[in-house]
Amino acid sequence: MKVIIYTAPNCVYCQMAKDFFSKKGVSYEEKDVSYDQGAFGEMVKKSHQKGVPVIDINNEVFVGFNRNDIEKILKILK
């Protein structure tokens, strides 16, 4: 399973998402879009959004941190 979280500093929901994945034992790649313009462009292309967090789980893209939706996809992928 490949998880990418597009984040920015001081984003409460980004931190909640990272804490959630850590507690679930799910490894993820974090891309800070506040300084990485390439990651920012990648995030916008995937999500059509400029806000964070954007979470990509095996090419299933979630805008924002919706715990219920993310738990559902994690159960399907296990």
N, C-alpha and C. Protein backbone atom coordinates (compact mmCIF):
# COMPACT_ATOMS: atom_id res chain seq x y z
N MET A 1 0.85 -1.17 0.00
CA MET A 1 0.00 0.00 0.00
C MET A 1 0.89 1.23 0.00
N LYS A 2 0.58 2.18 -0.87
CA LYS A 2 1.36 3.41 -0.95
C LYS A 2 0.49 4.58 -0.50
N VAL A 3 0.96 5.30 0.50
CA VAL A 3 0.23 6.45 1.05
C VAL A 3 1.12 7.68 0.95
N ILE A 4 0.58 8.72 0.35
CA ILE A 4 1.26 10.02 0.26
C ILE A 4 0.35 11.05 0.90
N ILE A 5 0.91 11.86 1.80
CA ILE A 5 0.15 12.94 2.42
C ILE A 5 0.80 14.25 2.01
N TYR A 6 0.03 15.10 1.36
CA TYR A 6 0.48 16.44 0.99
C TYR A 6 0.10 17.36 2.15
N THR A 7 1.09 18.03 2.72
CA THR A 7 0.89 18.80 3.94
C THR A 7 1.46 20.21 3.83
N ALA A 8 1.22 20.97 4.90
CA ALA A 8 1.82 22.28 5.10
C ALA A 8 2.01 22.46 6.60
N PRO A 9 3.01 23.25 6.99
CA PRO A 9 3.23 23.48 8.42
C PRO A 9 2.00 24.11 9.07
N ASN A 10 1.81 23.82 10.32
CA ASN A 10 0.71 24.38 11.12
C ASN A 10 -0.67 23.96 10.65
N CYS A 11 -0.76 22.92 9.84
CA CYS A 11 -2.05 22.41 9.39
C CYS A 11 -2.51 21.36 10.39
N VAL A 12 -3.55 21.69 11.15
CA VAL A 12 -4.05 20.80 12.19
C VAL A 12 -4.54 19.48 11.60
N TYR A 13 -5.24 19.54 10.49
CA TYR A 13 -5.78 18.31 9.89
C TYR A 13 -4.67 17.44 9.30
N CYS A 14 -3.61 18.07 8.84
CA CYS A 14 -2.45 17.30 8.36
C CYS A 14 -1.85 16.51 9.51
N GLN A 15 -1.70 17.16 10.65
CA GLN A 15 -1.14 16.49 11.82
C GLN A 15 -2.07 15.37 12.29
N MET A 16 -3.36 15.61 12.26
CA MET A 16 -4.32 14.57 12.65
C MET A 16 -4.18 13.36 11.73
N ALA A 17 -4.03 13.58 10.45
CA ALA A 17 -3.90 12.49 9.49
C ALA A 17 -2.61 11.72 9.74
N LYS A 18 -1.51 12.43 9.97
CA LYS A 18 -0.24 11.76 10.22
C LYS A 18 -0.30 10.95 11.52
N ASP A 19 -0.92 11.50 12.55
CA ASP A 19 -1.07 10.78 13.82
C ASP A 19 -1.93 9.53 13.62
N PHE A 20 -2.99 9.66 12.85
CA PHE A 20 -3.88 8.53 12.57
C PHE A 20 -3.11 7.40 11.89
N PHE A 21 -2.37 7.71 10.84
CA PHE A 21 -1.62 6.68 10.13
C PHE A 21 -0.56 6.05 11.03
N SER A 22 0.10 6.86 11.83
CA SER A 22 1.11 6.32 12.74
C SER A 22 0.49 5.36 13.75
N LYS A 23 -0.66 5.73 14.31
CA LYS A 23 -1.34 4.85 15.27
C LYS A 23 -1.82 3.56 14.63
N LYS A 24 -2.17 3.63 13.36
CA LYS A 24 -2.63 2.44 12.63
C LYS A 24 -1.46 1.62 12.08
N GLY A 25 -0.26 2.11 12.23
CA GLY A 25 0.91 1.40 11.73
C GLY A 25 1.05 1.45 10.21
N VAL A 26 0.50 2.49 9.61
CA VAL A 26 0.56 2.66 8.16
C VAL A 26 1.69 3.64 7.84
N SER A 27 2.65 3.18 7.05
CA SER A 27 3.73 4.08 6.66
C SER A 27 3.25 4.99 5.54
N TYR A 28 3.80 6.18 5.51
CA TYR A 28 3.38 7.16 4.51
C TYR A 28 4.56 8.02 4.12
N GLU A 29 4.42 8.63 2.95
CA GLU A 29 5.39 9.61 2.48
C GLU A 29 4.74 10.98 2.64
N GLU A 30 5.44 11.89 3.28
CA GLU A 30 4.92 13.24 3.47
C GLU A 30 5.57 14.18 2.47
N LYS A 31 4.75 15.00 1.83
CA LYS A 31 5.26 16.01 0.91
C LYS A 31 4.73 17.37 1.36
N ASP A 32 5.65 18.23 1.79
CA ASP A 32 5.30 19.56 2.27
C ASP A 32 5.20 20.51 1.08
N VAL A 33 3.98 20.86 0.74
CA VAL A 33 3.75 21.68 -0.46
C VAL A 33 4.04 23.16 -0.24
N SER A 34 4.34 23.53 1.00
CA SER A 34 4.62 24.95 1.26
C SER A 34 5.97 25.37 0.69
N TYR A 35 6.89 24.42 0.51
CA TYR A 35 8.19 24.76 -0.06
C TYR A 35 8.54 23.93 -1.28
N ASP A 36 7.83 22.86 -1.53
CA ASP A 36 8.13 21.98 -2.66
C ASP A 36 7.10 22.24 -3.77
N GLN A 37 7.47 23.09 -4.72
CA GLN A 37 6.55 23.46 -5.79
C GLN A 37 6.18 22.28 -6.68
N GLY A 38 7.11 21.34 -6.85
CA GLY A 38 6.81 20.14 -7.62
C GLY A 38 5.71 19.32 -6.96
N ALA A 39 5.81 19.18 -5.64
CA ALA A 39 4.78 18.45 -4.88
C ALA A 39 3.45 19.19 -4.93
N PHE A 40 3.52 20.53 -4.87
CA PHE A 40 2.29 21.32 -4.94
C PHE A 40 1.58 21.08 -6.28
N GLY A 41 2.34 21.12 -7.37
CA GLY A 41 1.76 20.88 -8.69
C GLY A 41 1.19 19.48 -8.80
N GLU A 42 1.89 18.51 -8.25
CA GLU A 42 1.43 17.11 -8.25
C GLU A 42 0.11 16.99 -7.48
N MET A 43 0.04 17.65 -6.32
CA MET A 43 -1.16 17.61 -5.50
C MET A 43 -2.36 18.22 -6.24
N VAL A 44 -2.15 19.38 -6.85
CA VAL A 44 -3.24 20.05 -7.57
C VAL A 44 -3.70 19.20 -8.76
N LYS A 45 -2.76 18.58 -9.44
CA LYS A 45 -3.11 17.73 -10.58
C LYS A 45 -3.97 16.55 -10.13
N LYS A 46 -3.61 15.96 -8.99
CA LYS A 46 -4.36 14.81 -8.48
C LYS A 46 -5.73 15.19 -7.92
N SER A 47 -5.78 16.30 -7.21
CA SER A 47 -6.99 16.62 -6.43
C SER A 47 -7.82 17.78 -6.98
N HIS A 48 -7.22 18.59 -7.86
CA HIS A 48 -7.87 19.81 -8.37
C HIS A 48 -8.15 20.79 -7.22
N GLN A 49 -7.37 20.67 -6.14
CA GLN A 49 -7.53 21.52 -4.96
C GLN A 49 -6.18 22.11 -4.57
N LYS A 50 -6.22 23.25 -3.89
CA LYS A 50 -4.98 23.87 -3.42
C LYS A 50 -4.84 23.78 -1.91
N GLY A 51 -5.85 23.26 -1.22
CA GLY A 51 -5.80 23.14 0.23
C GLY A 51 -5.26 21.79 0.67
N VAL A 52 -4.72 21.76 1.88
CA VAL A 52 -4.18 20.53 2.45
C VAL A 52 -5.01 20.14 3.67
N PRO A 53 -4.98 18.90 4.07
CA PRO A 53 -4.21 17.82 3.49
C PRO A 53 -4.90 17.21 2.27
N VAL A 54 -4.10 16.67 1.39
CA VAL A 54 -4.57 15.79 0.33
C VAL A 54 -3.87 14.47 0.58
N ILE A 55 -4.64 13.40 0.61
CA ILE A 55 -4.10 12.08 0.93
C ILE A 55 -4.35 11.16 -0.25
N ASP A 56 -3.28 10.55 -0.72
CA ASP A 56 -3.34 9.63 -1.85
C ASP A 56 -3.02 8.23 -1.32
N ILE A 57 -4.02 7.34 -1.37
CA ILE A 57 -3.83 5.96 -0.93
C ILE A 57 -4.03 5.08 -2.15
N ASN A 58 -2.92 4.55 -2.66
CA ASN A 58 -2.97 3.71 -3.88
C ASN A 58 -3.78 4.37 -5.00
N ASN A 59 -3.52 5.64 -5.23
CA ASN A 59 -4.17 6.44 -6.28
C ASN A 59 -5.63 6.77 -6.00
N GLU A 60 -6.11 6.50 -4.80
CA GLU A 60 -7.44 6.96 -4.35
C GLU A 60 -7.18 8.24 -3.58
N VAL A 61 -7.71 9.36 -4.07
CA VAL A 61 -7.36 10.67 -3.52
C VAL A 61 -8.47 11.18 -2.60
N PHE A 62 -8.05 11.63 -1.42
CA PHE A 62 -8.96 12.20 -0.42
C PHE A 62 -8.52 13.63 -0.16
N VAL A 63 -9.47 14.55 -0.23
CA VAL A 63 -9.20 15.95 0.08
C VAL A 63 -9.68 16.19 1.50
N GLY A 64 -8.77 16.62 2.35
CA GLY A 64 -9.09 16.77 3.76
C GLY A 64 -8.89 15.45 4.48
N PHE A 65 -9.10 15.48 5.79
CA PHE A 65 -8.94 14.27 6.59
C PHE A 65 -10.31 13.79 7.04
N ASN A 66 -10.83 12.79 6.34
CA ASN A 66 -12.10 12.17 6.70
C ASN A 66 -11.78 10.77 7.20
N ARG A 67 -11.71 10.64 8.51
CA ARG A 67 -11.30 9.40 9.16
C ARG A 67 -12.13 8.20 8.69
N ASN A 68 -13.45 8.37 8.58
CA ASN A 68 -14.31 7.25 8.20
C ASN A 68 -14.01 6.74 6.80
N ASP A 69 -13.89 7.64 5.85
CA ASP A 69 -13.60 7.24 4.47
C ASP A 69 -12.22 6.58 4.36
N ILE A 70 -11.26 7.11 5.09
CA ILE A 70 -9.91 6.56 5.04
C ILE A 70 -9.87 5.18 5.69
N GLU A 71 -10.58 5.01 6.81
CA GLU A 71 -10.63 3.69 7.44
C GLU A 71 -11.25 2.66 6.50
N LYS A 72 -12.28 3.06 5.77
CA LYS A 72 -12.92 2.13 4.82
C LYS A 72 -11.94 1.67 3.76
N ILE A 73 -11.20 2.57 3.16
CA ILE A 73 -10.27 2.18 2.09
C ILE A 73 -9.13 1.35 2.65
N LEU A 74 -8.68 1.65 3.88
CA LEU A 74 -7.62 0.84 4.48
C LEU A 74 -8.09 -0.59 4.72
N LYS A 75 -9.33 -0.78 5.13
CA LYS A 75 -9.88 -2.13 5.35
C LYS A 75 -9.97 -2.88 4.04
N ILE A 76 -10.35 -2.20 2.98
CA ILE A 76 -10.46 -2.85 1.66
C ILE A 76 -9.09 -3.28 1.16
N LEU A 77 -8.06 -2.48 1.41
CA LEU A 77 -6.73 -2.76 0.88
C LEU A 77 -5.94 -3.77 1.71
N LYS A 78 -6.39 -4.07 2.91
CA LYS A 78 -5.63 -5.03 3.76
C LYS A 78 -5.76 -6.43 3.27
